[in-house]
Amino acid sequence: MQKAGDIARKRVERILIEDEVLRAGFAAFPYLVMNDTALSVGARFTYAMLLQFAWQEGETFPKQETLAGRIGLSVRQVRRYLAELQEANYIKIERKDRRFRNTYIIKRVRSKLRKRR
C-alpha cells in the first residue's frame, strides 16, 4: 500500500530526475532574479554561480578567474556581470585589503519583491 505522501508527490511532480549526479546538488535560485529581464542572462547565471559557491563547504570566496572558468567566460566579462549585479543591488562586493579576495554579499531581494507588487 502506498503512503499518502507518495501519492500526493506523484500528482504534483512534473520533472523527474533519474540521474543521481544531478540529484547530488543544486543552488536555490530565486525566481525574482531569474525573471528579472533588466539583468542580462550572463548576470543572472553569474548570480547562480555565486549561490553555488555560497552553499559549498570549503572555498566560498571564489576568485573571479575561478568564476570565469566555471562559467566559460573571460574574467573581464565576469567582472561586467558582477558590476551589473551590484548596480542592480543584488550583491555587494567588498575587499578589506588588496591582499585578500573579494567578499560577495548576496543581498536581500525582499525590497525588490515589494516594488513589483
N, C-alpha and C. Protein backbone atom coordinates (compact mmCIF):
# COMPACT_ATOMS: atom_id res chain seq x y z
N MET A 1 0.84 -1.18 0.00
CA MET A 1 0.00 0.00 0.00
C MET A 1 0.89 1.24 0.00
N GLN A 2 0.55 2.22 -0.86
CA GLN A 2 1.35 3.43 -0.97
C GLN A 2 1.00 4.42 0.14
N LYS A 3 2.02 5.15 0.57
CA LYS A 3 1.79 6.18 1.58
C LYS A 3 1.12 7.38 0.92
N ALA A 4 0.36 8.13 1.70
CA ALA A 4 -0.36 9.30 1.19
C ALA A 4 0.61 10.33 0.61
N GLY A 5 1.77 10.51 1.26
CA GLY A 5 2.77 11.47 0.78
C GLY A 5 3.30 11.10 -0.59
N ASP A 6 3.51 9.78 -0.82
CA ASP A 6 3.99 9.32 -2.12
C ASP A 6 2.95 9.56 -3.21
N ILE A 7 1.70 9.32 -2.89
CA ILE A 7 0.62 9.54 -3.86
C ILE A 7 0.52 11.03 -4.19
N ALA A 8 0.55 11.89 -3.18
CA ALA A 8 0.46 13.33 -3.41
C ALA A 8 1.65 13.82 -4.22
N ARG A 9 2.85 13.32 -3.92
CA ARG A 9 4.06 13.73 -4.63
C ARG A 9 3.95 13.38 -6.11
N LYS A 10 3.41 12.21 -6.43
CA LYS A 10 3.27 11.80 -7.82
C LYS A 10 2.31 12.72 -8.57
N ARG A 11 1.33 13.26 -7.89
CA ARG A 11 0.36 14.14 -8.54
C ARG A 11 0.95 15.50 -8.88
N VAL A 12 1.90 16.00 -8.09
CA VAL A 12 2.42 17.35 -8.31
C VAL A 12 3.77 17.36 -9.01
N GLU A 13 4.50 16.27 -9.02
CA GLU A 13 5.80 16.26 -9.68
C GLU A 13 5.64 16.31 -11.18
N ARG A 14 6.37 17.21 -11.79
CA ARG A 14 6.32 17.34 -13.24
C ARG A 14 7.69 17.10 -13.86
N ILE A 15 8.73 17.20 -13.07
CA ILE A 15 10.08 16.95 -13.56
C ILE A 15 10.69 15.88 -12.67
N LEU A 16 11.04 14.78 -13.26
CA LEU A 16 11.68 13.69 -12.53
C LEU A 16 13.14 13.62 -12.95
N ILE A 17 14.01 13.51 -12.00
CA ILE A 17 15.44 13.43 -12.29
C ILE A 17 15.90 12.02 -12.01
N GLU A 18 16.27 11.31 -13.06
CA GLU A 18 16.73 9.95 -12.93
C GLU A 18 18.22 9.88 -12.63
N ASP A 19 18.97 10.86 -13.07
CA ASP A 19 20.43 10.85 -12.95
C ASP A 19 20.85 11.22 -11.52
N GLU A 20 21.51 10.30 -10.85
CA GLU A 20 21.95 10.53 -9.47
C GLU A 20 22.91 11.71 -9.37
N VAL A 21 23.71 11.95 -10.39
CA VAL A 21 24.65 13.07 -10.38
C VAL A 21 23.89 14.39 -10.29
N LEU A 22 22.80 14.50 -11.02
CA LEU A 22 22.00 15.73 -10.97
C LEU A 22 21.34 15.91 -9.61
N ARG A 23 21.00 14.83 -8.98
CA ARG A 23 20.38 14.91 -7.66
C ARG A 23 21.38 15.27 -6.57
N ALA A 24 22.67 15.19 -6.89
CA ALA A 24 23.71 15.39 -5.88
C ALA A 24 23.80 16.83 -5.38
N GLY A 25 23.33 17.78 -6.15
CA GLY A 25 23.42 19.15 -5.66
C GLY A 25 22.77 20.15 -6.59
N PHE A 26 22.40 21.29 -6.00
CA PHE A 26 21.79 22.36 -6.77
C PHE A 26 21.88 23.62 -5.94
N ALA A 27 21.64 24.74 -6.58
CA ALA A 27 21.59 26.01 -5.87
C ALA A 27 20.15 26.52 -5.94
N ALA A 28 19.65 27.00 -4.84
CA ALA A 28 18.31 27.60 -4.83
C ALA A 28 18.43 28.95 -5.54
N PHE A 29 17.73 29.10 -6.62
CA PHE A 29 17.83 30.31 -7.44
C PHE A 29 16.49 31.04 -7.39
N PRO A 30 16.44 32.22 -6.77
CA PRO A 30 15.17 32.92 -6.62
C PRO A 30 14.55 33.28 -7.97
N TYR A 31 13.27 33.01 -8.10
CA TYR A 31 12.57 33.36 -9.33
C TYR A 31 12.66 34.85 -9.62
N LEU A 32 12.69 35.67 -8.57
CA LEU A 32 12.76 37.11 -8.74
C LEU A 32 13.99 37.50 -9.55
N VAL A 33 15.12 36.87 -9.27
CA VAL A 33 16.35 37.15 -10.01
C VAL A 33 16.29 36.48 -11.38
N MET A 34 15.82 35.25 -11.41
CA MET A 34 15.74 34.50 -12.66
C MET A 34 14.90 35.23 -13.70
N ASN A 35 13.82 35.88 -13.26
CA ASN A 35 12.89 36.52 -14.18
C ASN A 35 13.12 38.03 -14.34
N ASP A 36 14.18 38.56 -13.76
CA ASP A 36 14.46 39.99 -13.87
C ASP A 36 15.07 40.28 -15.24
N THR A 37 14.22 40.69 -16.18
CA THR A 37 14.69 40.93 -17.54
C THR A 37 15.54 42.19 -17.67
N ALA A 38 15.63 42.98 -16.61
CA ALA A 38 16.54 44.12 -16.62
C ALA A 38 17.99 43.66 -16.52
N LEU A 39 18.19 42.43 -16.03
CA LEU A 39 19.53 41.84 -15.94
C LEU A 39 19.80 41.04 -17.20
N SER A 40 21.06 41.04 -17.62
CA SER A 40 21.44 40.19 -18.74
C SER A 40 21.40 38.73 -18.29
N VAL A 41 21.30 37.86 -19.25
CA VAL A 41 21.31 36.42 -18.95
C VAL A 41 22.62 36.06 -18.27
N GLY A 42 23.71 36.65 -18.71
CA GLY A 42 25.02 36.38 -18.11
C GLY A 42 25.08 36.78 -16.65
N ALA A 43 24.48 37.92 -16.32
CA ALA A 43 24.47 38.37 -14.93
C ALA A 43 23.64 37.42 -14.07
N ARG A 44 22.52 36.96 -14.61
CA ARG A 44 21.68 36.02 -13.86
C ARG A 44 22.42 34.70 -13.62
N PHE A 45 23.14 34.24 -14.63
CA PHE A 45 23.89 32.99 -14.47
C PHE A 45 25.06 33.18 -13.50
N THR A 46 25.69 34.33 -13.54
CA THR A 46 26.77 34.62 -12.59
C THR A 46 26.24 34.62 -11.17
N TYR A 47 25.04 35.17 -10.97
CA TYR A 47 24.39 35.14 -9.66
C TYR A 47 24.18 33.69 -9.21
N ALA A 48 23.72 32.85 -10.12
CA ALA A 48 23.52 31.43 -9.79
C ALA A 48 24.83 30.77 -9.40
N MET A 49 25.91 31.12 -10.08
CA MET A 49 27.22 30.54 -9.74
C MET A 49 27.68 31.02 -8.36
N LEU A 50 27.42 32.28 -8.04
CA LEU A 50 27.76 32.76 -6.69
C LEU A 50 26.99 31.99 -5.63
N LEU A 51 25.73 31.69 -5.91
CA LEU A 51 24.94 30.90 -4.97
C LEU A 51 25.52 29.50 -4.82
N GLN A 52 26.00 28.94 -5.92
CA GLN A 52 26.61 27.61 -5.84
C GLN A 52 27.80 27.64 -4.89
N PHE A 53 28.63 28.64 -4.99
CA PHE A 53 29.78 28.75 -4.09
C PHE A 53 29.33 29.03 -2.66
N ALA A 54 28.28 29.81 -2.49
CA ALA A 54 27.82 30.16 -1.15
C ALA A 54 27.36 28.94 -0.36
N TRP A 55 26.82 27.93 -1.04
CA TRP A 55 26.32 26.75 -0.35
C TRP A 55 27.35 25.65 -0.21
N GLN A 56 28.53 25.84 -0.79
CA GLN A 56 29.58 24.83 -0.72
C GLN A 56 30.29 24.91 0.62
N GLU A 57 30.86 23.79 0.97
CA GLU A 57 31.81 23.81 2.08
C GLU A 57 33.17 24.00 1.45
N GLY A 58 34.09 24.58 2.18
CA GLY A 58 35.41 24.81 1.61
C GLY A 58 35.49 26.21 1.05
N GLU A 59 35.81 26.32 -0.23
CA GLU A 59 36.03 27.62 -0.84
C GLU A 59 34.70 28.33 -1.10
N THR A 60 34.43 29.37 -0.33
CA THR A 60 33.19 30.12 -0.52
C THR A 60 33.48 31.53 -1.01
N PHE A 61 34.72 31.83 -1.26
CA PHE A 61 35.12 33.13 -1.78
C PHE A 61 35.81 32.91 -3.11
N PRO A 62 35.05 32.69 -4.18
CA PRO A 62 35.68 32.34 -5.45
C PRO A 62 36.44 33.51 -6.05
N LYS A 63 37.57 33.20 -6.64
CA LYS A 63 38.29 34.20 -7.42
C LYS A 63 37.49 34.47 -8.68
N GLN A 64 37.66 35.65 -9.24
CA GLN A 64 36.98 35.95 -10.50
C GLN A 64 37.46 35.01 -11.60
N GLU A 65 38.70 34.61 -11.53
CA GLU A 65 39.23 33.64 -12.51
C GLU A 65 38.51 32.30 -12.38
N THR A 66 38.22 31.90 -11.14
CA THR A 66 37.50 30.65 -10.90
C THR A 66 36.08 30.75 -11.45
N LEU A 67 35.41 31.86 -11.17
CA LEU A 67 34.06 32.06 -11.70
C LEU A 67 34.08 32.01 -13.23
N ALA A 68 35.02 32.73 -13.82
CA ALA A 68 35.12 32.77 -15.28
C ALA A 68 35.34 31.38 -15.85
N GLY A 69 36.21 30.62 -15.22
CA GLY A 69 36.49 29.26 -15.69
C GLY A 69 35.27 28.35 -15.59
N ARG A 70 34.55 28.46 -14.51
CA ARG A 70 33.35 27.62 -14.32
C ARG A 70 32.24 27.98 -15.31
N ILE A 71 32.12 29.29 -15.60
CA ILE A 71 31.06 29.74 -16.49
C ILE A 71 31.47 29.58 -17.95
N GLY A 72 32.79 29.63 -18.20
CA GLY A 72 33.26 29.54 -19.58
C GLY A 72 33.35 30.90 -20.25
N LEU A 73 33.67 31.92 -19.46
CA LEU A 73 33.78 33.28 -19.95
C LEU A 73 35.13 33.87 -19.61
N SER A 74 35.39 35.05 -20.11
CA SER A 74 36.62 35.74 -19.74
C SER A 74 36.41 36.40 -18.37
N VAL A 75 37.52 36.68 -17.71
CA VAL A 75 37.45 37.37 -16.41
C VAL A 75 36.82 38.74 -16.59
N ARG A 76 37.14 39.39 -17.68
CA ARG A 76 36.60 40.72 -17.96
C ARG A 76 35.06 40.68 -18.04
N GLN A 77 34.52 39.68 -18.71
CA GLN A 77 33.06 39.56 -18.83
C GLN A 77 32.43 39.27 -17.47
N VAL A 78 33.07 38.42 -16.68
CA VAL A 78 32.56 38.13 -15.33
C VAL A 78 32.54 39.41 -14.49
N ARG A 79 33.57 40.22 -14.62
CA ARG A 79 33.60 41.50 -13.89
C ARG A 79 32.43 42.39 -14.30
N ARG A 80 32.12 42.40 -15.58
CA ARG A 80 30.97 43.19 -16.06
C ARG A 80 29.67 42.69 -15.42
N TYR A 81 29.52 41.37 -15.40
CA TYR A 81 28.30 40.80 -14.83
C TYR A 81 28.22 41.06 -13.32
N LEU A 82 29.34 40.97 -12.63
CA LEU A 82 29.34 41.27 -11.20
C LEU A 82 28.99 42.74 -10.96
N ALA A 83 29.52 43.62 -11.79
CA ALA A 83 29.19 45.05 -11.67
C ALA A 83 27.70 45.28 -11.94
N GLU A 84 27.16 44.56 -12.91
CA GLU A 84 25.73 44.66 -13.23
C GLU A 84 24.89 44.21 -12.03
N LEU A 85 25.28 43.13 -11.40
CA LEU A 85 24.55 42.63 -10.23
C LEU A 85 24.64 43.60 -9.07
N GLN A 86 25.82 44.19 -8.91
CA GLN A 86 25.99 45.15 -7.83
C GLN A 86 25.17 46.42 -8.10
N GLU A 87 25.16 46.88 -9.34
CA GLU A 87 24.38 48.06 -9.70
C GLU A 87 22.88 47.82 -9.50
N ALA A 88 22.44 46.60 -9.75
CA ALA A 88 21.03 46.25 -9.57
C ALA A 88 20.70 45.95 -8.11
N ASN A 89 21.70 46.03 -7.24
CA ASN A 89 21.54 45.84 -5.80
C ASN A 89 21.21 44.39 -5.41
N TYR A 90 21.70 43.44 -6.20
CA TYR A 90 21.55 42.04 -5.84
C TYR A 90 22.73 41.54 -5.01
N ILE A 91 23.89 42.14 -5.24
CA ILE A 91 25.07 41.76 -4.47
C ILE A 91 25.82 43.02 -4.05
N LYS A 92 26.70 42.82 -3.10
CA LYS A 92 27.63 43.86 -2.68
C LYS A 92 29.01 43.23 -2.70
N ILE A 93 29.97 43.94 -3.22
CA ILE A 93 31.34 43.41 -3.29
C ILE A 93 32.21 44.22 -2.35
N GLU A 94 32.89 43.53 -1.45
CA GLU A 94 33.78 44.20 -0.50
C GLU A 94 35.16 43.57 -0.58
N ARG A 95 36.14 44.38 -0.35
CA ARG A 95 37.51 43.89 -0.20
C ARG A 95 38.16 44.75 0.88
N LYS A 96 38.47 44.12 1.97
CA LYS A 96 39.02 44.87 3.10
C LYS A 96 40.47 45.27 2.86
N ASP A 97 41.17 44.47 2.09
CA ASP A 97 42.60 44.71 1.85
C ASP A 97 42.93 44.14 0.47
N ARG A 98 43.79 44.79 -0.26
CA ARG A 98 44.14 44.32 -1.61
C ARG A 98 44.80 42.94 -1.60
N ARG A 99 45.29 42.50 -0.45
CA ARG A 99 45.92 41.18 -0.37
C ARG A 99 44.90 40.06 -0.33
N PHE A 100 43.65 40.38 -0.04
CA PHE A 100 42.63 39.36 0.11
C PHE A 100 41.67 39.35 -1.07
N ARG A 101 40.95 38.26 -1.19
CA ARG A 101 39.94 38.14 -2.25
C ARG A 101 38.72 38.99 -1.92
N ASN A 102 37.91 39.19 -2.95
CA ASN A 102 36.64 39.88 -2.75
C ASN A 102 35.72 39.05 -1.88
N THR A 103 34.88 39.74 -1.15
CA THR A 103 33.79 39.09 -0.44
C THR A 103 32.52 39.51 -1.15
N TYR A 104 31.75 38.52 -1.57
CA TYR A 104 30.50 38.77 -2.27
C TYR A 104 29.35 38.60 -1.28
N ILE A 105 28.61 39.65 -1.08
CA ILE A 105 27.48 39.61 -0.15
C ILE A 105 26.21 39.51 -1.00
N ILE A 106 25.49 38.41 -0.83
CA ILE A 106 24.23 38.22 -1.52
C ILE A 106 23.18 39.00 -0.73
N LYS A 107 22.67 40.05 -1.33
CA LYS A 107 21.76 40.94 -0.61
C LYS A 107 20.34 40.39 -0.59
N ARG A 108 19.57 40.90 0.35
CA ARG A 108 18.15 40.52 0.44
C ARG A 108 17.41 41.08 -0.76
N VAL A 109 16.56 40.29 -1.34
CA VAL A 109 15.80 40.76 -2.50
C VAL A 109 14.36 41.09 -2.14
N ARG A 110 14.05 41.05 -0.88
CA ARG A 110 12.69 41.31 -0.41
C ARG A 110 12.21 42.69 -0.85
N SER A 111 13.09 43.69 -0.81
CA SER A 111 12.69 45.05 -1.20
C SER A 111 12.28 45.08 -2.67
N LYS A 112 12.93 44.29 -3.52
CA LYS A 112 12.56 44.23 -4.93
C LYS A 112 11.20 43.57 -5.10
N LEU A 113 10.90 42.63 -4.25
CA LEU A 113 9.61 41.96 -4.31
C LEU A 113 8.49 42.94 -3.99
N ARG A 114 8.71 43.79 -2.98
CA ARG A 114 7.72 44.79 -2.62
C ARG A 114 7.47 45.77 -3.76
N LYS A 115 8.52 46.14 -4.49
CA LYS A 115 8.37 47.08 -5.59
C LYS A 115 7.53 46.51 -6.72
N ARG A 116 7.60 45.20 -6.93
CA ARG A 116 6.86 44.55 -8.01
C ARG A 116 5.37 44.49 -7.72
N ARG A 117 5.00 44.50 -6.48
CA ARG A 117 3.57 44.34 -6.11
C ARG A 117 2.77 45.56 -6.38
